[in-house]
Amino acid sequence: MVRGKLLLLVLMAAAMCTVSMADTKTPQSNLSAEEIVKKNVSARGGLQAWKAVTALTLGGKMEAGGNQRPTLPVPGPKHGAQMPRPRPTEQVQLPFVMELKRPRKERMEIQFNGQTAVQVYDGANGWKLRPFLNRHEVEPYTAEELKAAAAQAELDGPLVDYAAKGTKIEFSGTEKVEGRNTYKLQLTPKSGEPFHIWIDAETFLEAKMEGTPRRLDGKNHPVEVYFRDYRTVNGLVVPYLLETKVLAIKGVPGVQETSEKIRIEEVTVNPKLADTLFSKPQVDAGVNAKQTAPAGGHSLP
């Protein structure tokens, strides 16, 4: 689903700005990777401010659909290749709420056609409910999904206190991102594959991140996530607009680049989130998952 995209919501900082402004500053060539990260953390509100964050709630709308890629034939059991149902081409805005709590706890709810899809990760185990796919039972995460969840950064992102997290960072040069100069950093987590982050040379905010490849039509496609419209919330700054691009693969015909946006409408720092919110969801009437939580926890109606 979209869990990988949403975890990136908590990475950003500094005062309101976008990465699409005019290019005004040449990168300092003498900065080390450690110095770039230090400036990034400072711009985002500072190390101590982020360490004081124990939970976050983010709400807004995400785009879904709008997929113009052609369907490909798949093997049929009796009559050879068969064509699957065409993918929906109309783009819709789906309301969502994502709740994050240390250490590595996550709950996401998405509303669609009067139904609620749920994904929950308690730091070790994960569950999902997808009623709009006609799956009305709570399913455990697959081994691949658990691996991806365990590799995700804590709610303050991969750069804050990176050394204590066991992450290695290397400077990989400078590049243009949407017309602006950026520093390109390679991060190698303690567990997980290396990936890149591009830091704006003027604001020292994240401009782009290399996302987890997405499998489409039997092939892994590169993913890029762009961060825009930063706003200050309780001294911390988060992006209120993210765009995820799934890139076409050169030489693969009929597969086009796709793009989906996430618009944040509300951010709450240090809400009271009960631990029961991050346990296995309970299905009500075989349709939606509701969580029984003591005072301080909540779920969507």
C-alpha atoms as a PDB file:
ATOM      1  CA  MET A   1       0.000   0.000   0.000  1.00  0.00           C
ATOM      2  CA  VAL A   2       1.340   3.417   0.897  1.00  0.00           C
ATOM      3  CA  ARG A   3       3.097   2.825   4.172  1.00  0.00           C
ATOM      4  CA  GLY A   4       6.524   3.479   2.757  1.00  0.00           C
ATOM      5  CA  LYS A   5       5.397   6.835   1.431  1.00  0.00           C
ATOM      6  CA  LEU A   6       3.734   7.961   4.626  1.00  0.00           C
ATOM      7  CA  LEU A   7       6.651   7.202   6.889  1.00  0.00           C
ATOM      8  CA  LEU A   8       8.546   9.811   4.959  1.00  0.00           C
ATOM      9  CA  LEU A   9       6.121  12.486   6.154  1.00  0.00           C
ATOM     10  CA  VAL A  10       8.091  13.066   9.345  1.00  0.00           C
ATOM     11  CA  LEU A  11      11.482  13.675   7.820  1.00  0.00           C
ATOM     12  CA  MET A  12      11.432  17.436   7.199  1.00  0.00           C
ATOM     13  CA  ALA A  13      12.098  20.797   8.770  1.00  0.00           C
ATOM     14  CA  ALA A  14      12.905  24.583   8.739  1.00  0.00           C
ATOM     15  CA  ALA A  15      10.587  27.470   8.052  1.00  0.00           C
ATOM     16  CA  MET A  16       7.899  27.485   5.359  1.00  0.00           C
ATOM     17  CA  CYS A  17       9.422  27.062   1.926  1.00  0.00           C
ATOM     18  CA  THR A  18       9.303  24.824  -1.122  1.00  0.00           C
ATOM     19  CA  VAL A  19      11.972  23.127  -3.167  1.00  0.00           C
ATOM     20  CA  SER A  20      10.617  24.644  -6.345  1.00  0.00           C
ATOM     21  CA  MET A  21      11.867  28.198  -5.737  1.00  0.00           C
ATOM     22  CA  ALA A  22      14.467  29.777  -8.005  1.00  0.00           C
ATOM     23  CA  ASP A  23      18.037  28.497  -7.760  1.00  0.00           C
ATOM     24  CA  THR A  24      19.983  31.063  -5.712  1.00  0.00           C
ATOM     25  CA  LYS A  25      22.935  29.368  -4.079  1.00  0.00           C
ATOM     26  CA  THR A  26      25.900  27.288  -5.197  1.00  0.00           C
ATOM     27  CA  PRO A  27      26.675  24.351  -2.893  1.00  0.00           C
ATOM     28  CA  GLN A  28      29.689  24.684  -0.615  1.00  0.00           C
ATOM     29  CA  SER A  29      32.102  22.085  -1.920  1.00  0.00           C
ATOM     30  CA  ASN A  30      34.021  21.827   1.358  1.00  0.00           C
ATOM     31  CA  LEU A  31      31.144  20.519   3.486  1.00  0.00           C
ATOM     32  CA  SER A  32      31.416  16.940   4.713  1.00  0.00           C
ATOM     33  CA  ALA A  33      28.482  14.555   4.938  1.00  0.00           C
ATOM     34  CA  GLU A  34      28.472  14.989   8.733  1.00  0.00           C
ATOM     35  CA  GLU A  35      28.350  18.790   8.414  1.00  0.00           C
ATOM     36  CA  ILE A  36      25.495  18.644   5.906  1.00  0.00           C
ATOM     37  CA  VAL A  37      23.486  16.421   8.235  1.00  0.00           C
ATOM     38  CA  LYS A  38      24.206  18.692  11.198  1.00  0.00           C
ATOM     39  CA  LYS A  39      22.875  21.675   9.254  1.00  0.00           C
ATOM     40  CA  ASN A  40      19.836  19.653   8.209  1.00  0.00           C
ATOM     41  CA  VAL A  41      18.962  18.653  11.779  1.00  0.00           C
ATOM     42  CA  SER A  42      19.443  22.244  12.956  1.00  0.00           C
ATOM     43  CA  ALA A  43      17.161  23.542  10.194  1.00  0.00           C
ATOM     44  CA  ARG A  44      14.530  21.000  11.180  1.00  0.00           C
ATOM     45  CA  GLY A  45      14.334  22.283  14.731  1.00  0.00           C
ATOM     46  CA  GLY A  46      17.342  20.734  16.428  1.00  0.00           C
ATOM     47  CA  LEU A  47      18.310  17.362  17.844  1.00  0.00           C
ATOM     48  CA  GLN A  48      16.831  17.888  21.301  1.00  0.00           C
ATOM     49  CA  ALA A  49      13.511  19.079  19.900  1.00  0.00           C
ATOM     50  CA  TRP A  50      13.158  15.916  17.835  1.00  0.00           C
ATOM     51  CA  LYS A  51      14.234  13.684  20.691  1.00  0.00           C
ATOM     52  CA  ALA A  52      11.388  15.200  22.716  1.00  0.00           C
ATOM     53  CA  VAL A  53       8.858  13.955  20.153  1.00  0.00           C
ATOM     54  CA  THR A  54       7.393  10.646  21.323  1.00  0.00           C
ATOM     55  CA  ALA A  55       4.401  10.489  18.967  1.00  0.00           C
ATOM     56  CA  LEU A  56       2.961  12.114  15.850  1.00  0.00           C
ATOM     57  CA  THR A  57      -0.438  12.114  14.175  1.00  0.00           C
ATOM     58  CA  LEU A  58      -0.766  13.158  10.534  1.00  0.00           C
ATOM     59  CA  GLY A  59      -4.018  13.528   8.642  1.00  0.00           C
ATOM     60  CA  GLY A  60      -4.878  14.529   5.107  1.00  0.00           C
ATOM     61  CA  LYS A  61      -5.688  13.114   1.698  1.00  0.00           C
ATOM     62  CA  MET A  62      -3.760  10.938  -0.696  1.00  0.00           C
ATOM     63  CA  GLU A  63      -4.235  10.403  -4.393  1.00  0.00           C
ATOM     64  CA  ALA A  64      -5.093   6.966  -5.714  1.00  0.00           C
ATOM     65  CA  GLY A  65      -5.990   5.685  -9.152  1.00  0.00           C
ATOM     66  CA  GLY A  66      -5.277   7.739 -12.226  1.00  0.00           C
ATOM     67  CA  ASN A  67      -3.303   4.794 -13.599  1.00  0.00           C
ATOM     68  CA  GLN A  68      -3.070   4.980 -17.373  1.00  0.00           C
ATOM     69  CA  ARG A  69      -0.668   2.062 -17.764  1.00  0.00           C
ATOM     70  CA  PRO A  70      -1.948  -0.684 -20.060  1.00  0.00           C
ATOM     71  CA  THR A  71      -2.853  -4.042 -18.579  1.00  0.00           C
ATOM     72  CA  LEU A  72      -0.702  -6.983 -19.593  1.00  0.00           C
ATOM     73  CA  PRO A  73      -1.953 -10.513 -20.306  1.00  0.00           C
ATOM     74  CA  VAL A  74      -1.464 -13.055 -17.534  1.00  0.00           C
ATOM     75  CA  PRO A  75      -1.411 -16.876 -17.852  1.00  0.00           C
ATOM     76  CA  GLY A  76      -4.846 -18.456 -17.502  1.00  0.00           C
ATOM     77  CA  PRO A  77      -5.485 -21.938 -16.073  1.00  0.00           C
ATOM     78  CA  LYS A  78      -7.262 -23.286 -19.150  1.00  0.00           C
ATOM     79  CA  HIS A  79      -7.268 -20.908 -22.071  1.00  0.00           C
ATOM     80  CA  GLY A  80      -3.773 -19.447 -22.136  1.00  0.00           C
ATOM     81  CA  ALA A  81      -3.168 -15.740 -21.656  1.00  0.00           C
ATOM     82  CA  GLN A  82      -6.078 -13.739 -20.269  1.00  0.00           C
ATOM     83  CA  MET A  83      -6.508 -10.017 -19.796  1.00  0.00           C
ATOM     84  CA  PRO A  84      -7.059  -8.825 -16.217  1.00  0.00           C
ATOM     85  CA  ARG A  85      -9.555  -6.126 -15.339  1.00  0.00           C
ATOM     86  CA  PRO A  86      -8.485  -2.649 -16.530  1.00  0.00           C
ATOM     87  CA  ARG A  87      -6.963  -0.537 -13.789  1.00  0.00           C
ATOM     88  CA  PRO A  88      -9.054   2.443 -12.572  1.00  0.00           C
ATOM     89  CA  THR A  89      -8.101   5.596 -14.465  1.00  0.00           C
ATOM     90  CA  GLU A  90     -10.004   8.148 -12.373  1.00  0.00           C
ATOM     91  CA  GLN A  91      -7.902   9.701  -9.637  1.00  0.00           C
ATOM     92  CA  VAL A  92      -9.571   9.977  -6.223  1.00  0.00           C
ATOM     93  CA  GLN A  93      -8.642  11.690  -2.949  1.00  0.00           C
ATOM     94  CA  LEU A  94      -8.653   9.276  -0.016  1.00  0.00           C
ATOM     95  CA  PRO A  95      -8.775  10.666   3.554  1.00  0.00           C
ATOM     96  CA  PHE A  96      -6.193   9.093   5.847  1.00  0.00           C
ATOM     97  CA  VAL A  97      -4.868   9.286   9.390  1.00  0.00           C
ATOM     98  CA  MET A  98      -1.429   8.013  10.323  1.00  0.00           C
ATOM     99  CA  GLU A  99      -0.303   7.601  13.937  1.00  0.00           C
ATOM    100  CA  LEU A 100       3.332   7.088  14.872  1.00  0.00           C
ATOM    101  CA  LYS A 101       4.781   6.313  18.277  1.00  0.00           C
ATOM    102  CA  ARG A 102       8.227   5.355  19.510  1.00  0.00           C
ATOM    103  CA  PRO A 103       9.666   2.824  19.170  1.00  0.00           C
ATOM    104  CA  ARG A 104       8.678   2.162  15.537  1.00  0.00           C
ATOM    105  CA  LYS A 105       4.937   1.803  16.148  1.00  0.00           C
ATOM    106  CA  GLU A 106       2.635   2.781  13.318  1.00  0.00           C
ATOM    107  CA  ARG A 107      -1.084   2.741  12.539  1.00  0.00           C
ATOM    108  CA  MET A 108      -2.675   3.983   9.325  1.00  0.00           C
ATOM    109  CA  GLU A 109      -6.344   4.188   8.395  1.00  0.00           C
ATOM    110  CA  ILE A 110      -7.640   5.058   4.920  1.00  0.00           C
ATOM    111  CA  GLN A 111     -11.278   5.814   4.078  1.00  0.00           C
ATOM    112  CA  PHE A 112     -12.697   4.598   0.754  1.00  0.00           C
ATOM    113  CA  ASN A 113     -16.345   4.156  -0.290  1.00  0.00           C
ATOM    114  CA  GLY A 114     -17.543   4.127   3.310  1.00  0.00           C
ATOM    115  CA  GLN A 115     -15.008   1.500   4.345  1.00  0.00           C
ATOM    116  CA  THR A 116     -11.825   1.756   6.384  1.00  0.00           C
ATOM    117  CA  ALA A 117      -8.588   0.070   5.412  1.00  0.00           C
ATOM    118  CA  VAL A 118      -6.131  -0.416   8.260  1.00  0.00           C
ATOM    119  CA  GLN A 119      -2.416  -1.136   8.526  1.00  0.00           C
ATOM    120  CA  VAL A 120      -0.789  -1.621  11.926  1.00  0.00           C
ATOM    121  CA  TYR A 121       2.811  -2.304  12.943  1.00  0.00           C
ATOM    122  CA  ASP A 122       3.735  -2.731  16.607  1.00  0.00           C
ATOM    123  CA  GLY A 123       7.496  -2.653  16.106  1.00  0.00           C
ATOM    124  CA  ALA A 124       7.768  -6.404  15.550  1.00  0.00           C
ATOM    125  CA  ASN A 125       4.509  -7.647  13.984  1.00  0.00           C
ATOM    126  CA  GLY A 126       2.148  -6.182  11.410  1.00  0.00           C
ATOM    127  CA  TRP A 127      -1.470  -6.629  10.300  1.00  0.00           C
ATOM    128  CA  LYS A 128      -3.656  -5.271   7.512  1.00  0.00           C
ATOM    129  CA  LEU A 129      -7.339  -5.079   6.640  1.00  0.00           C
ATOM    130  CA  ARG A 130      -8.339  -4.257   3.054  1.00  0.00           C
ATOM    131  CA  PRO A 131     -12.149  -4.299   2.736  1.00  0.00           C
ATOM    132  CA  PHE A 132     -12.185  -2.426  -0.575  1.00  0.00           C
ATOM    133  CA  LEU A 133     -10.352  -5.442  -2.059  1.00  0.00           C
ATOM    134  CA  ASN A 134     -13.090  -7.708  -0.648  1.00  0.00           C
ATOM    135  CA  ARG A 135     -10.734  -8.885   2.093  1.00  0.00           C
ATOM    136  CA  HIS A 136     -12.722  -8.553   5.292  1.00  0.00           C
ATOM    137  CA  GLU A 137     -10.405 -10.497   7.570  1.00  0.00           C
ATOM    138  CA  VAL A 138      -7.332  -9.176   9.313  1.00  0.00           C
ATOM    139  CA  GLU A 139      -4.243 -10.550   7.585  1.00  0.00           C
ATOM    140  CA  PRO A 140      -0.692 -10.652   8.955  1.00  0.00           C
ATOM    141  CA  TYR A 141       2.102  -8.869   7.158  1.00  0.00           C
ATOM    142  CA  THR A 142       4.009 -11.002   4.703  1.00  0.00           C
ATOM    143  CA  ALA A 143       7.697 -11.703   5.348  1.00  0.00           C
ATOM    144  CA  GLU A 144       8.569  -9.069   2.747  1.00  0.00           C
ATOM    145  CA  GLU A 145       6.290  -6.476   4.377  1.00  0.00           C
ATOM    146  CA  LEU A 146       7.787  -7.193   7.815  1.00  0.00           C
ATOM    147  CA  LYS A 147      11.266  -6.754   6.406  1.00  0.00           C
ATOM    148  CA  ALA A 148      10.303  -3.414   4.849  1.00  0.00           C
ATOM    149  CA  ALA A 149       8.617  -2.239   8.076  1.00  0.00           C
ATOM    150  CA  ALA A 150      11.659  -3.139  10.184  1.00  0.00           C
ATOM    151  CA  ALA A 151      13.915  -1.214   7.806  1.00  0.00           C
ATOM    152  CA  GLN A 152      11.874   1.994   8.028  1.00  0.00           C
ATOM    153  CA  ALA A 153      13.277   4.932   9.964  1.00  0.00           C
ATOM    154  CA  GLU A 154      12.020   6.030  13.374  1.00  0.00           C
ATOM    155  CA  LEU A 155       9.473   8.878  13.408  1.00  0.00           C
ATOM    156  CA  ASP A 156      12.239  11.526  13.398  1.00  0.00           C
ATOM    157  CA  GLY A 157      13.616  10.193  10.124  1.00  0.00           C
ATOM    158  CA  PRO A 158      16.927   8.604   9.110  1.00  0.00           C
ATOM    159  CA  LEU A 159      19.163  11.665   9.534  1.00  0.00           C
ATOM    160  CA  VAL A 160      18.396  12.682  13.124  1.00  0.00           C
ATOM    161  CA  ASP A 161      20.879  10.964  15.468  1.00  0.00           C
ATOM    162  CA  TYR A 162      21.920   8.741  12.563  1.00  0.00           C
ATOM    163  CA  ALA A 163      25.154   7.490  14.180  1.00  0.00           C
ATOM    164  CA  ALA A 164      23.295   6.245  17.272  1.00  0.00           C
ATOM    165  CA  LYS A 165      20.958   4.363  14.924  1.00  0.00           C
ATOM    166  CA  GLY A 166      23.920   2.599  13.337  1.00  0.00           C
ATOM    167  CA  THR A 167      23.574   4.347   9.978  1.00  0.00           C
ATOM    168  CA  LYS A 168      26.594   5.236   7.837  1.00  0.00           C
ATOM    169  CA  ILE A 169      26.449   8.368   5.691  1.00  0.00           C
ATOM    170  CA  GLU A 170      28.602   9.264   2.680  1.00  0.00           C
ATOM    171  CA  PHE A 171      28.760  12.366   0.489  1.00  0.00           C
ATOM    172  CA  SER A 172      27.922  11.472  -3.132  1.00  0.00           C
ATOM    173  CA  GLY A 173      28.344  14.850  -4.849  1.00  0.00           C
ATOM    174  CA  THR A 174      25.997  17.633  -5.907  1.00  0.00           C
ATOM    175  CA  GLU A 175      23.003  17.484  -8.257  1.00  0.00           C
ATOM    176  CA  LYS A 176      20.097  19.607  -9.435  1.00  0.00           C
ATOM    177  CA  VAL A 177      16.644  18.744  -8.081  1.00  0.00           C
ATOM    178  CA  GLU A 178      13.767  20.687  -9.631  1.00  0.00           C
ATOM    179  CA  GLY A 179      16.161  23.447 -10.661  1.00  0.00           C
ATOM    180  CA  ARG A 180      17.846  23.785  -7.265  1.00  0.00           C
ATOM    181  CA  ASN A 181      21.322  22.763  -6.136  1.00  0.00           C
ATOM    182  CA  THR A 182      21.375  19.883  -3.695  1.00  0.00           C
ATOM    183  CA  TYR A 183      23.818  17.690  -1.806  1.00  0.00           C
ATOM    184  CA  LYS A 184      23.428  14.003  -2.520  1.00  0.00           C
ATOM    185  CA  LEU A 185      23.990  11.700   0.453  1.00  0.00           C
ATOM    186  CA  GLN A 186      24.096   7.913   0.545  1.00  0.00           C
ATOM    187  CA  LEU A 187      22.732   6.308   3.709  1.00  0.00           C
ATOM    188  CA  THR A 188      23.501   2.717   4.669  1.00  0.00           C
ATOM    189  CA  PRO A 189      21.254   1.666   7.592  1.00  0.00           C
ATOM    190  CA  LYS A 190      22.325  -0.908  10.148  1.00  0.00           C
ATOM    191  CA  SER A 191      19.717  -3.192   8.639  1.00  0.00           C
ATOM    192  CA  GLY A 192      18.475  -2.553   5.140  1.00  0.00           C
ATOM    193  CA  GLU A 193      19.679  -1.514   1.713  1.00  0.00           C
ATOM    194  CA  PRO A 194      21.592   1.722   0.957  1.00  0.00           C
ATOM    195  CA  PHE A 195      19.529   4.634  -0.384  1.00  0.00           C
ATOM    196  CA  HIS A 196      20.012   8.308  -1.260  1.00  0.00           C
ATOM    197  CA  ILE A 197      18.692  11.612   0.101  1.00  0.00           C
ATOM    198  CA  TRP A 198      19.129  14.979  -1.619  1.00  0.00           C
ATOM    199  CA  ILE A 199      19.538  18.010   0.708  1.00  0.00           C
ATOM    200  CA  ASP A 200      18.746  21.507  -0.570  1.00  0.00           C
ATOM    201  CA  ALA A 201      21.976  23.554  -0.652  1.00  0.00           C
ATOM    202  CA  GLU A 202      20.278  26.711   0.637  1.00  0.00           C
ATOM    203  CA  THR A 203      17.604  25.579   3.102  1.00  0.00           C
ATOM    204  CA  PHE A 204      19.302  22.297   4.109  1.00  0.00           C
ATOM    205  CA  LEU A 205      15.899  20.573   3.971  1.00  0.00           C
ATOM    206  CA  GLU A 206      15.313  17.279   2.234  1.00  0.00           C
ATOM    207  CA  ALA A 207      14.372  17.900  -1.402  1.00  0.00           C
ATOM    208  CA  LYS A 208      14.114  14.319  -2.608  1.00  0.00           C
ATOM    209  CA  MET A 209      14.525  10.777  -1.340  1.00  0.00           C
ATOM    210  CA  GLU A 210      15.069   7.493  -3.109  1.00  0.00           C
ATOM    211  CA  GLY A 211      12.108   5.294  -2.237  1.00  0.00           C
ATOM    212  CA  THR A 212      11.645   1.542  -2.077  1.00  0.00           C
ATOM    213  CA  PRO A 213      11.295   0.142  -5.631  1.00  0.00           C
ATOM    214  CA  ARG A 214       7.719  -0.698  -6.566  1.00  0.00           C
ATOM    215  CA  ARG A 215       6.915  -3.900  -8.444  1.00  0.00           C
ATOM    216  CA  LEU A 216       4.699  -3.264 -11.467  1.00  0.00           C
ATOM    217  CA  ASP A 217       3.993  -5.636 -14.338  1.00  0.00           C
ATOM    218  CA  GLY A 218       6.545  -8.086 -12.988  1.00  0.00           C
ATOM    219  CA  LYS A 219       9.445  -5.617 -12.757  1.00  0.00           C
ATOM    220  CA  ASN A 220      10.842  -3.409  -9.963  1.00  0.00           C
ATOM    221  CA  HIS A 221      10.521   0.277 -10.850  1.00  0.00           C
ATOM    222  CA  PRO A 222      12.646   3.027  -9.255  1.00  0.00           C
ATOM    223  CA  VAL A 223      10.742   5.337  -6.881  1.00  0.00           C
ATOM    224  CA  GLU A 224      11.476   8.989  -6.064  1.00  0.00           C
ATOM    225  CA  VAL A 225       9.751  11.020  -3.327  1.00  0.00           C
ATOM    226  CA  TYR A 226       9.735  14.840  -3.494  1.00  0.00           C
ATOM    227  CA  PHE A 227       9.039  17.070  -0.470  1.00  0.00           C
ATOM    228  CA  ARG A 228       7.372  20.493  -0.746  1.00  0.00           C
ATOM    229  CA  ASP A 229       5.419  23.131   1.188  1.00  0.00           C
ATOM    230  CA  TYR A 230       7.202  22.985   4.550  1.00  0.00           C
ATOM    231  CA  ARG A 231       5.328  24.405   7.553  1.00  0.00           C
ATOM    232  CA  THR A 232       6.322  24.910  11.165  1.00  0.00           C
ATOM    233  CA  VAL A 233       4.447  22.860  13.782  1.00  0.00           C
ATOM    234  CA  ASN A 234       5.418  23.304  17.449  1.00  0.00           C
ATOM    235  CA  GLY A 235       8.926  24.384  16.451  1.00  0.00           C
ATOM    236  CA  LEU A 236       9.343  21.457  14.070  1.00  0.00           C
ATOM    237  CA  VAL A 237       8.793  21.690  10.337  1.00  0.00           C
ATOM    238  CA  VAL A 238       7.098  19.067   8.196  1.00  0.00           C
ATOM    239  CA  PRO A 239       6.229  18.953   4.485  1.00  0.00           C
ATOM    240  CA  TYR A 240       2.564  19.408   3.726  1.00  0.00           C
ATOM    241  CA  LEU A 241       2.917  18.121   0.167  1.00  0.00           C
ATOM    242  CA  LEU A 242       4.721  14.981  -0.979  1.00  0.00           C
ATOM    243  CA  GLU A 243       4.858  13.558  -4.466  1.00  0.00           C
ATOM    244  CA  THR A 244       5.865   9.973  -5.163  1.00  0.00           C
ATOM    245  CA  LYS A 245       6.986   9.169  -8.687  1.00  0.00           C
ATOM    246  CA  VAL A 246       7.268   5.597  -9.952  1.00  0.00           C
ATOM    247  CA  LEU A 247       9.660   5.789 -12.879  1.00  0.00           C
ATOM    248  CA  ALA A 248       9.470   3.963 -16.175  1.00  0.00           C
ATOM    249  CA  ILE A 249      12.193   1.460 -16.988  1.00  0.00           C
ATOM    250  CA  LYS A 250      14.183   2.211 -20.107  1.00  0.00           C
ATOM    251  CA  GLY A 251      13.545  -0.356 -22.780  1.00  0.00           C
ATOM    252  CA  VAL A 252      10.268  -1.612 -21.281  1.00  0.00           C
ATOM    253  CA  PRO A 253       7.450  -0.645 -23.705  1.00  0.00           C
ATOM    254  CA  GLY A 254       4.008   0.477 -22.586  1.00  0.00           C
ATOM    255  CA  VAL A 255       4.983   1.397 -19.004  1.00  0.00           C
ATOM    256  CA  GLN A 256       4.801   5.100 -18.206  1.00  0.00           C
ATOM    257  CA  GLU A 257       5.901   7.168 -15.229  1.00  0.00           C
ATOM    258  CA  THR A 258       3.190   7.506 -12.587  1.00  0.00           C
ATOM    259  CA  SER A 259       2.794  10.143  -9.894  1.00  0.00           C
ATOM    260  CA  GLU A 260       0.767  10.314  -6.664  1.00  0.00           C
ATOM    261  CA  LYS A 261       0.534  13.201  -4.203  1.00  0.00           C
ATOM    262  CA  ILE A 262      -0.088  13.230  -0.462  1.00  0.00           C
ATOM    263  CA  ARG A 263      -1.468  16.457   1.014  1.00  0.00           C
ATOM    264  CA  ILE A 264      -1.164  16.910   4.767  1.00  0.00           C
ATOM    265  CA  GLU A 265      -3.940  18.932   6.393  1.00  0.00           C
ATOM    266  CA  GLU A 266      -3.200  18.476  10.091  1.00  0.00           C
ATOM    267  CA  VAL A 267      -0.174  17.494  12.199  1.00  0.00           C
ATOM    268  CA  THR A 268      -0.285  16.878  15.960  1.00  0.00           C
ATOM    269  CA  VAL A 269       2.952  16.620  17.942  1.00  0.00           C
ATOM    270  CA  ASN A 270       2.993  14.340  21.003  1.00  0.00           C
ATOM    271  CA  PRO A 271      -0.662  13.263  21.014  1.00  0.00           C
ATOM    272  CA  LYS A 272      -1.654  10.704  23.658  1.00  0.00           C
ATOM    273  CA  LEU A 273      -1.701   7.400  21.780  1.00  0.00           C
ATOM    274  CA  ALA A 274      -2.488   4.218  23.691  1.00  0.00           C
ATOM    275  CA  ASP A 275      -0.285   1.206  22.936  1.00  0.00           C
ATOM    276  CA  THR A 276      -3.434  -0.810  22.150  1.00  0.00           C
ATOM    277  CA  LEU A 277      -3.830   1.247  18.971  1.00  0.00           C
ATOM    278  CA  PHE A 278      -0.839  -0.635  17.611  1.00  0.00           C
ATOM    279  CA  SER A 279      -2.014  -4.146  18.430  1.00  0.00           C
ATOM    280  CA  LYS A 280      -3.876  -6.474  16.061  1.00  0.00           C
ATOM    281  CA  PRO A 281      -7.080  -4.771  14.821  1.00  0.00           C
ATOM    282  CA  GLN A 282     -10.452  -6.240  15.726  1.00  0.00           C
ATOM    283  CA  VAL A 283     -12.947  -6.652  12.891  1.00  0.00           C
ATOM    284  CA  ASP A 284     -16.470  -5.323  13.456  1.00  0.00           C
ATOM    285  CA  ALA A 285     -19.257  -6.985  11.426  1.00  0.00           C
ATOM    286  CA  GLY A 286     -16.683  -8.281   8.949  1.00  0.00           C
ATOM    287  CA  VAL A 287     -16.275  -4.858   7.380  1.00  0.00           C
ATOM    288  CA  ASN A 288     -14.134  -2.430   9.343  1.00  0.00           C
ATOM    289  CA  ALA A 289     -11.500  -2.767  12.014  1.00  0.00           C
ATOM    290  CA  LYS A 290     -12.118  -0.991  15.278  1.00  0.00           C
ATOM    291  CA  GLN A 291      -9.703  -0.746  18.146  1.00  0.00           C
ATOM    292  CA  THR A 292     -10.773  -0.873  21.780  1.00  0.00           C
ATOM    293  CA  ALA A 293      -8.478   1.584  23.501  1.00  0.00           C
ATOM    294  CA  PRO A 294      -8.437   3.198  26.921  1.00  0.00           C
ATOM    295  CA  ALA A 295      -8.603   6.938  27.371  1.00  0.00           C
ATOM    296  CA  GLY A 296      -5.910   8.666  25.371  1.00  0.00           C
ATOM    297  CA  GLY A 297      -6.233   6.429  22.300  1.00  0.00           C
ATOM    298  CA  HIS A 298      -8.563   6.906  19.373  1.00  0.00           C
ATOM    299  CA  SER A 299      -9.525   5.581  15.970  1.00  0.00           C
ATOM    300  CA  LEU A 300     -11.580   6.789  13.071  1.00  0.00           C
ATOM    301  CA  PRO A 301     -15.379   6.368  13.350  1.00  0.00           C
END
